[in-house]
Protein backbone atom coordinates (compact mmCIF):
# COMPACT_ATOMS: atom_id res chain seq x y z
CA MET A 1 -26.15 9.58 -9.20
CA ILE A 2 -29.45 9.76 -7.51
CA MET A 3 -31.58 12.69 -8.37
CA TRP A 4 -34.01 14.26 -6.24
CA GLY A 5 -36.44 16.33 -7.66
CA ARG A 6 -40.45 17.19 -8.37
CA ALA A 7 -42.21 14.42 -10.71
CA LEU A 8 -43.82 15.42 -13.45
CA SER A 9 -47.13 13.97 -12.62
CA ASP A 10 -50.88 15.05 -11.74
CA THR A 11 -49.93 14.58 -7.46
CA ASP A 12 -47.02 16.17 -7.63
CA SER A 13 -45.05 13.87 -5.37
CA PHE A 14 -41.51 14.01 -4.10
CA MET A 15 -39.56 11.25 -6.39
CA VAL A 16 -36.56 9.79 -6.61
CA THR A 17 -34.79 7.82 -9.76
CA THR A 18 -31.36 6.45 -10.03
CA ASP A 19 -28.93 5.68 -12.68
CA ARG A 20 -26.28 3.96 -10.40
CA GLY A 21 -27.81 0.52 -9.36
CA PRO A 22 -28.14 -0.50 -5.73
CA PHE A 23 -25.83 0.34 -3.01
CA TYR A 24 -23.40 -2.61 -1.94
CA GLY A 25 -22.31 -3.57 1.24
CA LYS A 26 -18.14 -3.44 2.02
CA VAL A 27 -16.16 -5.55 3.93
CA MET A 28 -12.49 -4.26 5.18
CA LEU A 29 -10.34 -7.33 3.89
CA PHE A 30 -7.05 -6.28 5.56
CA GLY A 31 -6.56 -3.28 8.36
CA GLU A 32 -9.42 -3.19 11.15
CA TYR A 33 -8.16 -1.82 13.93
CA SER A 34 -4.20 -1.95 12.93
CA VAL A 35 -5.23 0.99 10.62
CA ILE A 36 -5.45 3.62 13.09
CA LEU A 37 -1.85 2.98 14.00
CA GLY A 38 -0.84 3.61 11.29
CA SER A 39 -1.00 0.38 8.79
CA LYS A 40 -2.12 -0.19 5.08
CA ALA A 41 -6.21 -1.08 4.67
CA LEU A 42 -8.08 -2.39 1.78
CA VAL A 43 -12.08 -1.84 1.73
CA VAL A 44 -14.37 -3.38 -0.66
CA PRO A 45 -17.46 -3.20 -2.20
CA LEU A 46 -19.56 -6.61 -1.07
CA LYS A 47 -21.69 -7.41 -3.76
CA CYS A 48 -23.71 -10.08 -1.99
CA PHE A 49 -25.09 -7.61 0.30
CA SER A 50 -26.87 -4.41 -1.09
CA GLY A 51 -29.82 -2.00 -0.43
CA GLN A 52 -31.60 0.47 -2.13
CA TRP A 53 -34.34 3.33 -1.95
CA SER A 54 -37.34 2.11 -2.21
CA ARG A 55 -41.15 2.86 -1.92
CA LYS A 56 -42.77 -0.61 -1.92
CA ALA A 57 -45.20 -1.41 0.65
CA ILE A 58 -43.56 -2.60 3.82
CA VAL A 59 -45.17 -6.18 4.47
CA HIS A 60 -42.02 -7.74 7.05
CA PRO A 61 -40.67 -6.61 10.70
CA ARG A 62 -37.58 -6.29 9.41
CA GLN A 63 -38.66 -3.50 6.90
CA ASN A 64 -40.80 -1.34 9.24
CA TYR A 65 -37.61 -1.89 11.39
CA LEU A 66 -35.70 -0.34 9.04
CA ARG A 67 -37.44 2.41 8.07
CA ASP A 68 -38.81 3.48 11.69
CA GLU A 69 -34.52 3.60 12.43
CA LEU A 70 -34.08 5.50 9.41
CA ILE A 71 -36.32 8.36 10.43
CA LYS A 72 -34.95 8.16 14.23
CA TYR A 73 -31.70 8.64 12.31
CA CYS A 74 -32.96 11.55 9.91
CA GLU A 75 -34.39 13.15 13.06
CA TYR A 76 -30.93 13.29 14.23
CA LEU A 77 -28.39 14.57 11.72
CA SER A 78 -31.20 17.52 11.12
CA GLY A 79 -30.97 18.25 15.12
CA ASN A 80 -26.74 17.98 14.67
CA ALA A 81 -25.54 21.32 13.84
CA GLU A 82 -22.51 19.80 12.02
CA THR A 83 -24.45 17.07 10.25
CA ALA A 84 -27.36 19.42 9.63
CA SER A 85 -24.75 21.59 7.34
CA LEU A 86 -23.97 19.14 5.04
CA LEU A 87 -27.36 17.70 4.41
CA ARG A 88 -30.27 19.07 2.43
CA THR A 89 -32.56 18.12 5.55
CA ASP A 90 -35.64 19.70 4.12
CA ALA A 91 -35.70 17.65 0.85
CA MET A 92 -35.27 14.58 3.17
CA HIS A 93 -37.89 15.15 5.56
CA GLU A 94 -40.21 15.64 2.56
CA ALA A 95 -38.70 12.16 0.62
CA LEU A 96 -39.56 10.48 3.85
CA GLU A 97 -43.02 11.43 4.25
CA GLN A 98 -43.81 10.45 0.79
CA GLY A 99 -42.80 6.99 1.50
CA TRP A 100 -39.57 6.38 0.64
CA TRP A 101 -37.27 4.42 2.88
CA LEU A 102 -34.01 2.02 2.53
CA ASP A 103 -34.32 -1.62 1.57
CA THR A 104 -31.58 -3.82 2.60
CA ASP A 105 -30.45 -7.12 3.34
CA ILE A 106 -27.39 -6.35 5.37
CA PRO A 107 -27.54 -7.85 8.62
CA VAL A 108 -27.11 -4.98 11.24
CA GLY A 109 -23.72 -6.04 13.55
CA TYR A 110 -21.81 -8.23 11.18
CA GLY A 111 -19.11 -5.97 10.18
CA VAL A 112 -20.16 -5.83 6.26
CA GLY A 113 -21.60 -2.43 6.25
CA SER A 114 -24.85 -1.70 7.68
CA SER A 115 -24.35 1.96 8.37
CA GLY A 116 -22.13 2.72 5.96
CA LEU A 117 -24.62 1.77 3.49
CA VAL A 118 -26.89 4.38 4.59
CA VAL A 119 -25.12 7.02 5.14
CA ALA A 120 -24.19 6.90 1.13
CA ALA A 121 -27.33 6.59 0.69
CA LEU A 122 -28.63 9.24 2.46
CA TYR A 123 -25.23 11.64 1.60
CA GLU A 124 -25.49 10.44 -2.83
CA SER A 125 -29.51 11.91 -2.38
CA PHE A 126 -29.31 14.82 0.07
CA ALA A 127 -25.55 16.23 -0.12
CA VAL A 128 -25.14 19.80 -0.25
CA LYS A 129 -22.05 19.90 -1.81
CA ARG A 130 -20.02 16.62 -2.16
CA PRO A 131 -16.08 17.80 -2.11
CA ASP A 132 -13.66 16.13 -4.62
CA GLU A 133 -10.73 15.39 -2.45
CA LEU A 134 -11.75 12.04 -1.05
CA MET A 135 -10.34 13.32 2.35
CA HIS A 136 -12.66 15.80 2.75
CA LEU A 137 -15.26 13.40 1.56
CA LYS A 138 -14.37 10.93 3.82
CA ARG A 139 -14.37 13.36 6.91
CA GLN A 140 -18.08 14.17 5.99
CA LEU A 141 -19.05 11.00 5.78
CA GLY A 142 -17.38 10.14 9.04
CA LEU A 143 -19.24 12.78 10.49
CA LEU A 144 -23.17 11.18 9.64
CA GLU A 145 -21.76 7.85 10.27
CA ASN A 146 -20.40 8.94 14.08
CA TYR A 147 -24.22 8.17 14.90
CA PHE A 148 -23.71 4.53 15.02
CA HIS A 149 -20.17 4.01 15.79
CA GLY A 150 -19.49 7.52 18.23
CA ASN A 151 -16.31 8.25 16.06
CA SER A 152 -15.96 6.83 12.65
CA SER A 153 -13.35 7.06 10.18
CA GLY A 154 -15.52 7.62 7.38
CA ILE A 155 -13.75 4.45 5.07
CA ASP A 156 -17.02 2.55 5.10
CA PRO A 157 -19.69 4.94 3.73
CA LEU A 158 -16.97 6.15 1.49
CA CYS A 159 -16.17 2.81 -0.26
CA CYS A 160 -20.59 2.41 -0.46
CA LEU A 161 -20.52 5.94 -2.19
CA LEU A 162 -17.96 5.32 -4.34
CA ARG A 163 -18.94 1.22 -5.50
CA GLN A 164 -15.61 0.33 -5.78
CA PRO A 165 -12.51 -0.26 -3.42
CA VAL A 166 -10.87 1.87 -1.29
CA LEU A 167 -7.05 1.58 -0.29
CA ILE A 168 -5.32 3.55 2.64
CA ASP A 169 -1.54 3.59 2.69
CA GLY A 170 0.68 3.65 5.48
CA GLN A 171 0.20 8.03 5.94
CA GLN A 172 -3.70 7.55 5.64
CA GLN A 173 -3.68 8.77 2.22
CA LEU A 174 -6.38 7.08 0.04
CA SER A 175 -6.17 6.02 -3.24
CA LEU A 176 -8.71 4.43 -5.59
CA PRO A 177 -6.88 0.69 -6.86
CA GLY A 178 -9.66 0.31 -9.03
CA THR A 179 -10.79 -3.30 -10.39
CA PHE A 180 -8.80 -6.11 -9.23
CA HIS A 181 -8.48 -9.67 -8.61
CA ALA A 182 -7.52 -11.91 -5.25
CA PRO A 183 -4.87 -14.36 -6.22
CA GLU A 184 -5.52 -16.67 -8.93
CA SER A 185 -5.39 -19.80 -6.66
CA TRP A 186 -6.96 -18.03 -3.59
CA LYS A 187 -10.72 -18.02 -2.63
CA VAL A 188 -12.42 -15.91 -0.17
CA PHE A 189 -15.30 -16.62 1.99
CA LEU A 190 -17.78 -14.87 5.05
CA PHE A 191 -18.35 -17.30 7.58
CA ASP A 192 -21.24 -16.70 9.75
CA SER A 193 -20.74 -16.50 13.62
CA GLY A 194 -24.96 -16.64 13.87
CA ARG A 195 -24.90 -13.65 16.13
CA SER A 196 -24.08 -9.38 16.01
CA GLY A 197 -20.80 -8.26 17.45
CA LEU A 198 -20.69 -4.49 19.58
CA THR A 199 -18.26 -2.39 17.95
CA GLY A 200 -17.92 0.39 20.71
CA PRO A 201 -16.91 -2.42 24.01
CA LEU A 202 -14.53 -4.28 21.27
CA VAL A 203 -13.07 -0.74 20.31
CA GLN A 204 -12.44 0.06 23.98
CA TYR A 205 -10.94 -3.68 25.04
CA PHE A 206 -8.26 -3.08 22.22
CA GLN A 207 -7.51 0.49 23.40
CA GLN A 208 -6.67 -0.90 27.30
CA ARG A 209 -4.60 -3.98 25.19
CA MET A 210 -2.60 -0.79 23.39
CA GLN A 211 -1.76 0.35 27.01
CA GLU A 212 0.25 -2.94 27.38
CA TYR A 213 3.82 -2.09 26.25
CA SER A 214 4.21 -5.71 25.21
CA PHE A 215 1.40 -6.08 23.50
CA TYR A 216 2.03 -2.84 21.42
CA ARG A 217 5.47 -4.04 20.44
CA LYS A 218 3.69 -7.01 18.62
CA VAL A 219 1.31 -4.78 17.29
CA LYS A 220 4.15 -2.73 15.69
CA ASN A 221 6.66 -5.42 14.89
CA ASP A 222 4.12 -8.36 13.86
CA TRP A 223 0.96 -7.52 13.14
CA ILE A 224 1.22 -3.84 11.36
CA PRO A 225 4.11 -5.90 8.70
CA ALA A 226 1.81 -8.68 8.66
CA VAL A 227 -1.10 -6.39 7.36
CA ASN A 228 1.10 -4.51 4.91
CA GLY A 229 2.47 -7.78 3.63
CA VAL A 230 -0.77 -9.02 2.88
CA ILE A 231 -2.55 -5.99 1.26
CA GLU A 232 0.83 -5.23 -1.13
CA GLN A 233 0.66 -9.41 -2.28
CA PHE A 234 -2.84 -9.40 -2.49
CA LEU A 235 -3.30 -6.61 -4.63
CA ALA A 236 -0.08 -7.92 -6.75
CA GLY A 237 -1.50 -11.01 -7.21
CA ASP A 238 1.40 -13.08 -5.26
CA SER A 239 0.11 -16.58 -3.98
CA ALA A 240 2.84 -17.78 -2.31
CA LEU A 241 4.00 -14.30 -0.68
CA LEU A 242 0.50 -13.91 0.53
CA SER A 243 0.09 -16.74 1.93
CA SER A 244 2.79 -16.22 4.54
CA HIS A 245 1.58 -13.22 5.50
CA LEU A 246 -1.73 -14.78 5.71
CA VAL A 247 -0.35 -16.82 8.35
CA LYS A 248 1.42 -14.34 10.62
CA LEU A 249 -1.79 -12.07 10.27
CA SER A 250 -4.13 -15.33 11.60
CA HIS A 251 -1.92 -16.24 13.90
CA PHE A 252 -1.56 -12.95 15.49
CA GLU A 253 -5.49 -12.39 15.53
CA ARG A 254 -5.87 -15.79 17.21
CA HIS A 255 -3.56 -15.26 20.34
CA GLN A 256 -3.39 -11.61 20.57
CA LEU A 257 -6.92 -10.75 19.69
CA GLY A 258 -8.24 -14.06 20.88
CA ALA A 259 -11.29 -11.88 22.75
CA MET A 260 -12.53 -10.50 19.70
CA ILE A 261 -13.23 -13.80 18.52
CA PRO A 262 -16.35 -15.70 18.88
CA PRO A 263 -16.28 -18.86 21.51
CA GLU A 264 -17.64 -20.79 19.05
CA LEU A 265 -15.32 -19.82 16.11
CA GLU A 266 -12.47 -21.11 18.19
CA ALA A 267 -11.86 -24.22 17.15
CA PHE A 268 -12.57 -23.65 13.26
CA TRP A 269 -9.79 -20.94 13.57
CA ASP A 270 -7.35 -23.31 15.50
CA THR A 271 -8.31 -26.14 12.51
CA GLY A 272 -7.23 -23.81 9.90
CA LEU A 273 -3.78 -22.68 11.54
CA SER A 274 -2.63 -26.31 12.19
CA ASP A 275 -4.25 -27.71 9.09
CA GLY A 276 -3.10 -25.28 6.68
CA ARG A 277 -5.93 -25.56 4.16
CA PHE A 278 -7.81 -22.15 5.19
CA LEU A 279 -7.13 -19.49 7.07
CA MET A 280 -9.24 -16.83 9.09
CA LYS A 281 -9.17 -13.14 10.29
CA LEU A 282 -11.60 -10.61 11.88
CA CYS A 283 -13.95 -9.21 9.92
CA GLY A 284 -15.06 -5.65 11.36
CA SER A 285 -14.86 -5.29 15.00
CA GLY A 286 -15.14 -8.80 15.66
CA GLY A 287 -16.92 -10.18 18.56
CA GLY A 288 -19.39 -11.79 16.18
CA GLY A 289 -20.87 -10.99 12.86
CA PHE A 290 -19.06 -12.55 9.77
CA SER A 291 -15.15 -13.43 9.93
CA LEU A 292 -12.95 -13.87 6.38
CA VAL A 293 -11.73 -17.50 5.40
CA PHE A 294 -9.39 -17.69 2.89
CA THR A 295 -8.33 -20.86 1.35
CA GLU A 296 -6.57 -22.32 -1.48
CA ASP A 297 -8.33 -25.74 -1.23
CA GLU A 298 -11.59 -25.20 -1.18
CA THR A 299 -12.45 -28.87 -1.15
CA ALA A 300 -10.75 -29.43 1.76
CA MET A 301 -12.07 -26.38 3.16
CA ARG A 302 -15.79 -27.46 3.01
CA GLN A 303 -14.61 -30.71 5.15
CA HIS A 304 -13.85 -28.41 8.10
CA LEU A 305 -16.69 -25.43 7.73
CA PRO A 306 -20.17 -26.07 7.72
CA ALA A 307 -21.34 -25.08 4.12
CA GLU A 308 -24.55 -23.47 5.74
CA ARG A 309 -22.16 -20.72 7.61
CA LEU A 310 -20.09 -20.04 4.39
CA ILE A 311 -21.09 -17.11 1.92
CA PRO A 312 -18.71 -16.76 -1.31
CA PHE A 313 -17.84 -13.23 -2.63
CA GLY A 314 -18.34 -14.08 -5.62
CA ASP A 315 -17.97 -11.30 -7.89
CA SER A 316 -17.32 -8.59 -5.09
CA LEU A 317 -13.21 -9.22 -5.90
């Protein structure tokens, strides 16, 4: 874990050390939106994106932006009674004054944990007392992440903090499934839409759609069973059943949640459904950022999707 303390040096400056390595991004493989309606959800660390505490000289405008945003966020945390009670804010500000900042390559608004990593890093370093119970820990992290999303579940920063997969069952209970791998024949990719997405408006859109009884019934009867089935078969390593559930999931999102799919991805999405060589689904809130691509035939998939927009999960699964 990260330990903060006085450096044993002539300058007695504030320092950070870590033996846990960097923080990773995260991705909710399955369950975005539907989890708030009682479906299962599976969140996994995303090792192709990471971040860590740094005191390196800032040489790039993005780095300067990251530090400025971190300072603004820490000021918010200190000024909010709920969040200030969770953190050792004096130590946090002293660290910033000593030049510490979070150096990360996670793109903002892409659904892969840019805010979750920041919350996790601050919490691991400055939490007053870390609870043992996962639901309590999740609630604390959610309070800290509300700054970014308005009303955070805390699931994303929990995954970033623990650096391991988190499974939410249909009763909203949490468990840690440990190390697992995608079914042997399947590979997973991120597909870059080329622009960031905005979470707030799409959450509002989904909430409005839920007021339509016909949509509500399709969510309950079609989407949630598909999400639950995908997660169960993904963890079980059952390629055949996974494929049938993925088709239902991708089809539902394309035809019922079309407003969440960037227009420039629609043709790719349709090709996947008609060709059957790959399937796409939302990543995060949608509207931009990344989408997820699942395939059992990578060669055929690459004939349809531009290579420069694909990022393999690598050893994340």
